[in-house]
N, C-alpha and C. Protein backbone atom coordinates (compact mmCIF):
# COMPACT_ATOMS: atom_id res chain seq x y z
N MET A 1 41.51 34.15 -43.99
CA MET A 1 42.01 35.46 -43.65
C MET A 1 40.92 36.20 -42.86
N LYS A 2 41.29 36.68 -41.68
CA LYS A 2 40.33 37.37 -40.82
C LYS A 2 40.33 38.87 -41.11
N VAL A 3 39.13 39.39 -41.32
CA VAL A 3 38.95 40.80 -41.67
C VAL A 3 37.97 41.43 -40.70
N LEU A 4 38.42 42.48 -39.99
CA LEU A 4 37.54 43.21 -39.09
C LEU A 4 37.05 44.46 -39.81
N ILE A 5 35.75 44.67 -39.80
CA ILE A 5 35.17 45.85 -40.44
C ILE A 5 34.83 46.87 -39.36
N ASP A 6 35.34 48.09 -39.55
CA ASP A 6 35.10 49.20 -38.62
C ASP A 6 33.66 49.71 -38.79
N SER A 7 33.17 50.37 -37.76
CA SER A 7 31.77 50.81 -37.75
C SER A 7 31.45 51.79 -38.87
N ASN A 8 32.39 52.64 -39.27
CA ASN A 8 32.09 53.61 -40.33
C ASN A 8 31.86 52.92 -41.68
N VAL A 9 32.56 51.84 -41.91
CA VAL A 9 32.36 51.08 -43.15
C VAL A 9 31.03 50.34 -43.09
N LEU A 10 30.72 49.79 -41.93
CA LEU A 10 29.42 49.12 -41.76
C LEU A 10 28.27 50.09 -42.00
N PHE A 11 28.39 51.28 -41.44
CA PHE A 11 27.35 52.29 -41.58
C PHE A 11 27.10 52.58 -43.06
N SER A 12 28.18 52.80 -43.80
CA SER A 12 28.05 53.08 -45.23
C SER A 12 27.50 51.88 -46.00
N ALA A 13 27.85 50.69 -45.56
CA ALA A 13 27.36 49.48 -46.22
C ALA A 13 25.84 49.36 -46.08
N VAL A 14 25.33 49.73 -44.91
CA VAL A 14 23.88 49.68 -44.68
C VAL A 14 23.20 50.79 -45.47
N PHE A 15 23.77 51.97 -45.40
CA PHE A 15 23.13 53.16 -45.96
C PHE A 15 23.12 53.17 -47.48
N ARG A 16 24.16 52.67 -48.09
CA ARG A 16 24.28 52.76 -49.55
C ARG A 16 24.59 51.41 -50.18
N SER A 17 23.55 50.70 -50.51
CA SER A 17 23.72 49.41 -51.18
C SER A 17 24.44 49.64 -52.51
N GLY A 18 25.43 48.82 -52.78
CA GLY A 18 26.19 48.94 -54.03
C GLY A 18 27.39 49.86 -53.93
N SER A 19 27.52 50.60 -52.83
CA SER A 19 28.65 51.50 -52.65
C SER A 19 29.94 50.70 -52.45
N THR A 20 31.06 51.38 -52.47
CA THR A 20 32.34 50.71 -52.23
C THR A 20 32.37 50.03 -50.86
N PRO A 21 31.94 50.71 -49.77
CA PRO A 21 31.91 50.00 -48.48
C PRO A 21 30.98 48.78 -48.50
N HIS A 22 29.85 48.88 -49.19
CA HIS A 22 28.93 47.74 -49.27
C HIS A 22 29.59 46.58 -50.03
N GLN A 23 30.27 46.89 -51.12
CA GLN A 23 30.96 45.85 -51.89
C GLN A 23 32.07 45.20 -51.06
N ALA A 24 32.79 46.03 -50.27
CA ALA A 24 33.85 45.50 -49.41
C ALA A 24 33.25 44.59 -48.35
N TYR A 25 32.12 44.98 -47.79
CA TYR A 25 31.43 44.15 -46.80
C TYR A 25 31.06 42.81 -47.43
N ILE A 26 30.48 42.84 -48.63
CA ILE A 26 30.08 41.60 -49.32
C ILE A 26 31.29 40.70 -49.55
N LYS A 27 32.41 41.29 -49.97
CA LYS A 27 33.63 40.50 -50.18
C LYS A 27 34.11 39.90 -48.86
N ALA A 28 34.07 40.68 -47.79
CA ALA A 28 34.60 40.24 -46.49
C ALA A 28 33.78 39.13 -45.86
N VAL A 29 32.50 39.04 -46.16
CA VAL A 29 31.66 38.00 -45.53
C VAL A 29 31.64 36.71 -46.33
N ASN A 30 32.37 36.68 -47.41
CA ASN A 30 32.42 35.48 -48.24
C ASN A 30 33.80 34.84 -48.20
N PRO A 31 33.84 33.49 -48.30
CA PRO A 31 35.12 32.80 -48.30
C PRO A 31 36.00 33.32 -49.44
N PRO A 32 37.26 33.36 -49.20
CA PRO A 32 38.04 32.76 -48.12
C PRO A 32 38.18 33.66 -46.89
N TYR A 33 37.43 34.75 -46.84
CA TYR A 33 37.53 35.67 -45.72
C TYR A 33 36.65 35.23 -44.56
N HIS A 34 37.06 35.63 -43.39
CA HIS A 34 36.30 35.40 -42.15
C HIS A 34 36.06 36.79 -41.57
N CYS A 35 34.82 37.24 -41.60
CA CYS A 35 34.49 38.62 -41.23
C CYS A 35 34.24 38.75 -39.73
N LEU A 36 34.84 39.79 -39.15
CA LEU A 36 34.70 40.09 -37.73
C LEU A 36 34.19 41.53 -37.57
N VAL A 37 33.43 41.73 -36.52
CA VAL A 37 32.99 43.07 -36.11
C VAL A 37 33.01 43.06 -34.60
N CYS A 38 33.52 44.12 -34.00
CA CYS A 38 33.51 44.13 -32.53
C CYS A 38 32.15 44.61 -32.03
N ASN A 39 31.83 44.18 -30.84
CA ASN A 39 30.51 44.48 -30.28
C ASN A 39 30.26 45.98 -30.20
N GLN A 40 31.29 46.77 -29.96
CA GLN A 40 31.12 48.23 -29.89
C GLN A 40 30.66 48.78 -31.25
N SER A 41 31.16 48.22 -32.34
CA SER A 41 30.78 48.70 -33.67
C SER A 41 29.30 48.45 -33.95
N ILE A 42 28.79 47.32 -33.50
CA ILE A 42 27.36 47.04 -33.69
C ILE A 42 26.53 48.05 -32.90
N GLU A 43 26.95 48.35 -31.68
CA GLU A 43 26.24 49.34 -30.86
C GLU A 43 26.30 50.73 -31.50
N GLU A 44 27.49 51.14 -31.96
CA GLU A 44 27.65 52.44 -32.61
C GLU A 44 26.80 52.53 -33.87
N LEU A 45 26.83 51.48 -34.67
CA LEU A 45 26.06 51.44 -35.90
C LEU A 45 24.58 51.63 -35.59
N THR A 46 24.07 50.89 -34.64
CA THR A 46 22.66 50.94 -34.30
C THR A 46 22.26 52.33 -33.80
N GLU A 47 23.02 52.86 -32.86
CA GLU A 47 22.71 54.19 -32.30
C GLU A 47 22.77 55.27 -33.37
N SER A 48 23.83 55.29 -34.15
CA SER A 48 24.01 56.30 -35.18
C SER A 48 22.94 56.24 -36.25
N PHE A 49 22.68 55.04 -36.71
CA PHE A 49 21.73 54.87 -37.81
C PHE A 49 20.32 55.29 -37.37
N ILE A 50 19.91 54.87 -36.19
CA ILE A 50 18.57 55.20 -35.71
C ILE A 50 18.46 56.70 -35.43
N GLU A 51 19.54 57.30 -34.94
CA GLU A 51 19.52 58.75 -34.67
C GLU A 51 19.42 59.54 -35.97
N LYS A 52 20.17 59.14 -36.99
CA LYS A 52 20.22 59.90 -38.23
C LYS A 52 19.11 59.54 -39.22
N PHE A 53 18.68 58.28 -39.18
CA PHE A 53 17.70 57.80 -40.16
C PHE A 53 16.60 56.97 -39.48
N PRO A 54 15.84 57.56 -38.58
CA PRO A 54 14.84 56.76 -37.87
C PRO A 54 13.79 56.14 -38.80
N HIS A 55 13.56 56.76 -39.93
CA HIS A 55 12.58 56.24 -40.89
C HIS A 55 13.10 55.01 -41.66
N ARG A 56 14.40 54.72 -41.50
CA ARG A 56 14.98 53.57 -42.20
C ARG A 56 15.39 52.47 -41.23
N SER A 57 14.77 52.42 -40.08
CA SER A 57 15.16 51.41 -39.09
C SER A 57 14.93 49.99 -39.60
N ASP A 58 13.95 49.80 -40.47
CA ASP A 58 13.73 48.46 -41.04
C ASP A 58 14.91 48.01 -41.89
N ASP A 59 15.54 48.97 -42.60
CA ASP A 59 16.73 48.64 -43.40
C ASP A 59 17.85 48.14 -42.49
N LEU A 60 18.03 48.82 -41.37
CA LEU A 60 19.06 48.41 -40.42
C LEU A 60 18.74 47.04 -39.84
N LYS A 61 17.51 46.81 -39.47
CA LYS A 61 17.13 45.51 -38.90
C LYS A 61 17.39 44.38 -39.89
N MET A 62 17.04 44.60 -41.15
CA MET A 62 17.26 43.57 -42.17
C MET A 62 18.76 43.33 -42.38
N PHE A 63 19.54 44.42 -42.41
CA PHE A 63 20.97 44.29 -42.58
C PHE A 63 21.58 43.49 -41.43
N LEU A 64 21.22 43.86 -40.20
CA LEU A 64 21.78 43.17 -39.03
C LEU A 64 21.34 41.72 -38.97
N TYR A 65 20.11 41.46 -39.34
CA TYR A 65 19.61 40.07 -39.35
C TYR A 65 20.48 39.22 -40.28
N ASP A 66 20.75 39.73 -41.47
CA ASP A 66 21.59 39.00 -42.42
C ASP A 66 23.04 38.97 -41.96
N ALA A 67 23.55 40.12 -41.53
CA ALA A 67 24.96 40.24 -41.16
C ALA A 67 25.33 39.32 -40.00
N LEU A 68 24.48 39.27 -39.00
CA LEU A 68 24.82 38.48 -37.82
C LEU A 68 24.83 36.98 -38.08
N SER A 69 24.36 36.59 -39.25
CA SER A 69 24.44 35.17 -39.61
C SER A 69 25.76 34.83 -40.31
N VAL A 70 26.50 35.87 -40.75
CA VAL A 70 27.73 35.61 -41.51
C VAL A 70 28.98 36.26 -40.92
N ILE A 71 28.82 37.01 -39.84
CA ILE A 71 29.99 37.62 -39.20
C ILE A 71 30.10 37.14 -37.76
N ASP A 72 31.30 37.23 -37.23
CA ASP A 72 31.51 36.95 -35.81
C ASP A 72 31.62 38.28 -35.08
N VAL A 73 30.80 38.46 -34.07
CA VAL A 73 30.88 39.64 -33.23
C VAL A 73 31.84 39.30 -32.10
N ILE A 74 32.89 40.09 -31.99
CA ILE A 74 33.94 39.79 -31.03
C ILE A 74 33.96 40.84 -29.91
N PRO A 75 34.37 40.42 -28.73
CA PRO A 75 34.44 41.36 -27.60
C PRO A 75 35.71 42.20 -27.67
N ILE A 76 35.71 43.26 -26.89
CA ILE A 76 36.89 44.11 -26.74
C ILE A 76 37.56 43.75 -25.42
N PRO A 77 38.80 43.30 -25.47
CA PRO A 77 39.50 42.96 -24.23
C PRO A 77 39.71 44.21 -23.36
N ASP A 78 39.78 44.00 -22.07
CA ASP A 78 40.01 45.10 -21.15
C ASP A 78 41.46 45.58 -21.18
N ALA A 79 42.38 44.66 -21.37
CA ALA A 79 43.80 44.99 -21.31
C ALA A 79 44.24 45.80 -22.54
N GLU A 80 44.97 46.87 -22.29
CA GLU A 80 45.49 47.68 -23.37
C GLU A 80 46.59 46.93 -24.12
N HIS A 81 46.80 47.34 -25.37
CA HIS A 81 47.85 46.75 -26.20
C HIS A 81 48.87 47.86 -26.52
N PRO A 82 50.15 47.54 -26.54
CA PRO A 82 51.17 48.57 -26.80
C PRO A 82 50.99 49.34 -28.12
N GLU A 83 50.41 48.72 -29.13
CA GLU A 83 50.22 49.38 -30.43
C GLU A 83 49.23 50.55 -30.35
N GLU A 84 48.42 50.60 -29.31
CA GLU A 84 47.40 51.65 -29.18
C GLU A 84 48.00 53.05 -29.16
N VAL A 85 49.23 53.17 -28.70
CA VAL A 85 49.87 54.50 -28.62
C VAL A 85 50.11 55.09 -30.01
N LYS A 86 50.03 54.28 -31.06
CA LYS A 86 50.24 54.76 -32.43
C LYS A 86 48.99 55.41 -33.01
N LEU A 87 47.90 55.39 -32.28
CA LEU A 87 46.64 55.95 -32.77
C LEU A 87 46.42 57.36 -32.21
N ARG A 88 46.00 58.28 -33.08
CA ARG A 88 45.70 59.65 -32.63
C ARG A 88 44.42 59.71 -31.83
N ASP A 89 43.44 58.90 -32.20
CA ASP A 89 42.13 58.92 -31.55
C ASP A 89 42.04 57.76 -30.57
N PRO A 90 41.94 58.05 -29.28
CA PRO A 90 41.88 56.97 -28.28
C PRO A 90 40.66 56.05 -28.45
N ASP A 91 39.59 56.56 -29.08
CA ASP A 91 38.41 55.71 -29.31
C ASP A 91 38.72 54.56 -30.26
N ASP A 92 39.69 54.75 -31.14
CA ASP A 92 40.05 53.69 -32.09
C ASP A 92 40.82 52.56 -31.42
N ALA A 93 41.36 52.84 -30.25
CA ALA A 93 42.15 51.83 -29.54
C ALA A 93 41.32 50.58 -29.24
N LEU A 94 40.05 50.76 -28.95
CA LEU A 94 39.20 49.60 -28.63
C LEU A 94 39.03 48.69 -29.84
N ILE A 95 38.86 49.29 -31.00
CA ILE A 95 38.71 48.51 -32.24
C ILE A 95 40.01 47.76 -32.51
N LEU A 96 41.13 48.46 -32.39
CA LEU A 96 42.43 47.83 -32.61
C LEU A 96 42.65 46.69 -31.62
N ARG A 97 42.33 46.93 -30.37
CA ARG A 97 42.49 45.91 -29.32
C ARG A 97 41.69 44.66 -29.66
N ALA A 98 40.46 44.84 -30.11
CA ALA A 98 39.62 43.70 -30.48
C ALA A 98 40.21 42.96 -31.67
N ALA A 99 40.69 43.71 -32.66
CA ALA A 99 41.27 43.09 -33.87
C ALA A 99 42.51 42.28 -33.52
N ILE A 100 43.35 42.83 -32.68
CA ILE A 100 44.58 42.12 -32.29
C ILE A 100 44.24 40.87 -31.49
N ALA A 101 43.31 40.98 -30.56
CA ALA A 101 42.92 39.83 -29.74
C ALA A 101 42.32 38.71 -30.58
N ALA A 102 41.61 39.09 -31.65
CA ALA A 102 40.99 38.09 -32.53
C ALA A 102 41.94 37.61 -33.62
N ASN A 103 43.16 38.14 -33.62
CA ASN A 103 44.17 37.78 -34.60
C ASN A 103 43.73 38.13 -36.03
N ALA A 104 43.10 39.30 -36.17
CA ALA A 104 42.66 39.76 -37.49
C ALA A 104 43.87 40.09 -38.35
N ASP A 105 43.75 39.82 -39.62
CA ASP A 105 44.81 40.14 -40.58
C ASP A 105 44.66 41.55 -41.12
N ILE A 106 43.41 42.00 -41.24
CA ILE A 106 43.09 43.28 -41.86
C ILE A 106 41.99 43.98 -41.06
N ILE A 107 42.09 45.30 -40.97
CA ILE A 107 40.98 46.14 -40.51
C ILE A 107 40.59 47.00 -41.70
N ILE A 108 39.32 46.96 -42.05
CA ILE A 108 38.81 47.84 -43.11
C ILE A 108 38.17 49.03 -42.42
N SER A 109 38.67 50.22 -42.73
CA SER A 109 38.18 51.42 -42.07
C SER A 109 38.20 52.61 -43.04
N GLY A 110 37.34 53.56 -42.76
CA GLY A 110 37.34 54.83 -43.48
C GLY A 110 37.87 55.94 -42.60
N ASP A 111 38.33 55.61 -41.42
CA ASP A 111 38.80 56.56 -40.42
C ASP A 111 40.27 56.91 -40.69
N LEU A 112 40.54 58.18 -40.99
CA LEU A 112 41.91 58.60 -41.31
C LEU A 112 42.86 58.38 -40.14
N ASP A 113 42.36 58.48 -38.91
CA ASP A 113 43.23 58.22 -37.76
C ASP A 113 43.77 56.79 -37.82
N PHE A 114 42.94 55.87 -38.26
CA PHE A 114 43.38 54.48 -38.44
C PHE A 114 44.28 54.37 -39.67
N LEU A 115 43.78 54.87 -40.79
CA LEU A 115 44.47 54.69 -42.07
C LEU A 115 45.85 55.34 -42.10
N GLU A 116 46.04 56.41 -41.35
CA GLU A 116 47.31 57.12 -41.35
C GLU A 116 48.22 56.70 -40.19
N SER A 117 47.82 55.69 -39.44
CA SER A 117 48.64 55.23 -38.32
C SER A 117 49.81 54.41 -38.86
N ASP A 118 50.77 54.15 -37.99
CA ASP A 118 51.93 53.35 -38.37
C ASP A 118 51.76 51.88 -38.02
N ILE A 119 50.55 51.47 -37.81
CA ILE A 119 50.29 50.08 -37.43
C ILE A 119 50.38 49.21 -38.67
N THR A 120 51.12 48.12 -38.56
CA THR A 120 51.30 47.24 -39.71
C THR A 120 50.59 45.90 -39.55
N HIS A 121 50.30 45.51 -38.31
CA HIS A 121 49.54 44.27 -38.12
C HIS A 121 48.57 44.44 -36.97
N PRO A 122 47.30 44.34 -37.25
CA PRO A 122 46.73 44.03 -38.56
C PRO A 122 46.91 45.18 -39.54
N GLU A 123 46.91 44.83 -40.81
CA GLU A 123 47.00 45.85 -41.85
C GLU A 123 45.70 46.65 -41.84
N ILE A 124 45.81 47.97 -41.93
CA ILE A 124 44.63 48.83 -41.91
C ILE A 124 44.49 49.45 -43.28
N ILE A 125 43.37 49.15 -43.95
CA ILE A 125 43.15 49.62 -45.31
C ILE A 125 41.72 50.13 -45.48
N SER A 126 41.52 50.89 -46.54
CA SER A 126 40.19 51.40 -46.86
C SER A 126 39.37 50.33 -47.57
N ALA A 127 38.08 50.58 -47.70
CA ALA A 127 37.21 49.66 -48.42
C ALA A 127 37.65 49.51 -49.87
N ALA A 128 38.05 50.61 -50.49
CA ALA A 128 38.51 50.56 -51.88
C ALA A 128 39.78 49.73 -52.02
N GLN A 129 40.70 49.88 -51.06
CA GLN A 129 41.92 49.08 -51.10
C GLN A 129 41.61 47.59 -50.91
N PHE A 130 40.68 47.29 -50.04
CA PHE A 130 40.30 45.90 -49.82
C PHE A 130 39.72 45.29 -51.09
N LEU A 131 38.92 46.05 -51.80
CA LEU A 131 38.33 45.53 -53.04
C LEU A 131 39.41 45.24 -54.09
N GLN A 132 40.51 45.95 -54.04
CA GLN A 132 41.58 45.74 -55.01
C GLN A 132 42.48 44.56 -54.67
N LEU A 133 42.39 44.06 -53.44
CA LEU A 133 43.23 42.93 -53.07
C LEU A 133 42.82 41.68 -53.84
N PRO A 134 43.82 40.93 -54.30
CA PRO A 134 43.47 39.65 -54.93
C PRO A 134 43.02 38.67 -53.84
N TYR A 135 42.21 37.74 -54.23
CA TYR A 135 41.77 36.73 -53.26
C TYR A 135 42.97 35.89 -52.84
N PRO A 136 43.07 35.60 -51.55
CA PRO A 136 44.23 34.80 -51.07
C PRO A 136 44.16 33.36 -51.56
């Protein structure tokens, strides 16, 4: 099962070890799941984290070093997808586009624009909801 993790969940996973987003990340990078992150999310995570927590850049480096060995970083296709019109925030369209192109089953996000959308595939759920899912 392919699971794409949104940048806001990744940020929380780095910042708060043991938190719900961190636990969801740990679950997503282990079988039977196949964890995906789009290249834009890695860039956003890096820029945001360094801007907000420059004194913790070593934490980010260690997280990325480990993460990049167990996740697939996927590109964002240029072509728009019809499902994008269901999103309130146009910035989320790129994440959705990447997830659809990679044939992701689930997007884990903390973004209400995603969570409240009418998109059904991939399924968009919170980190807490992902933790409650039984293993496939």
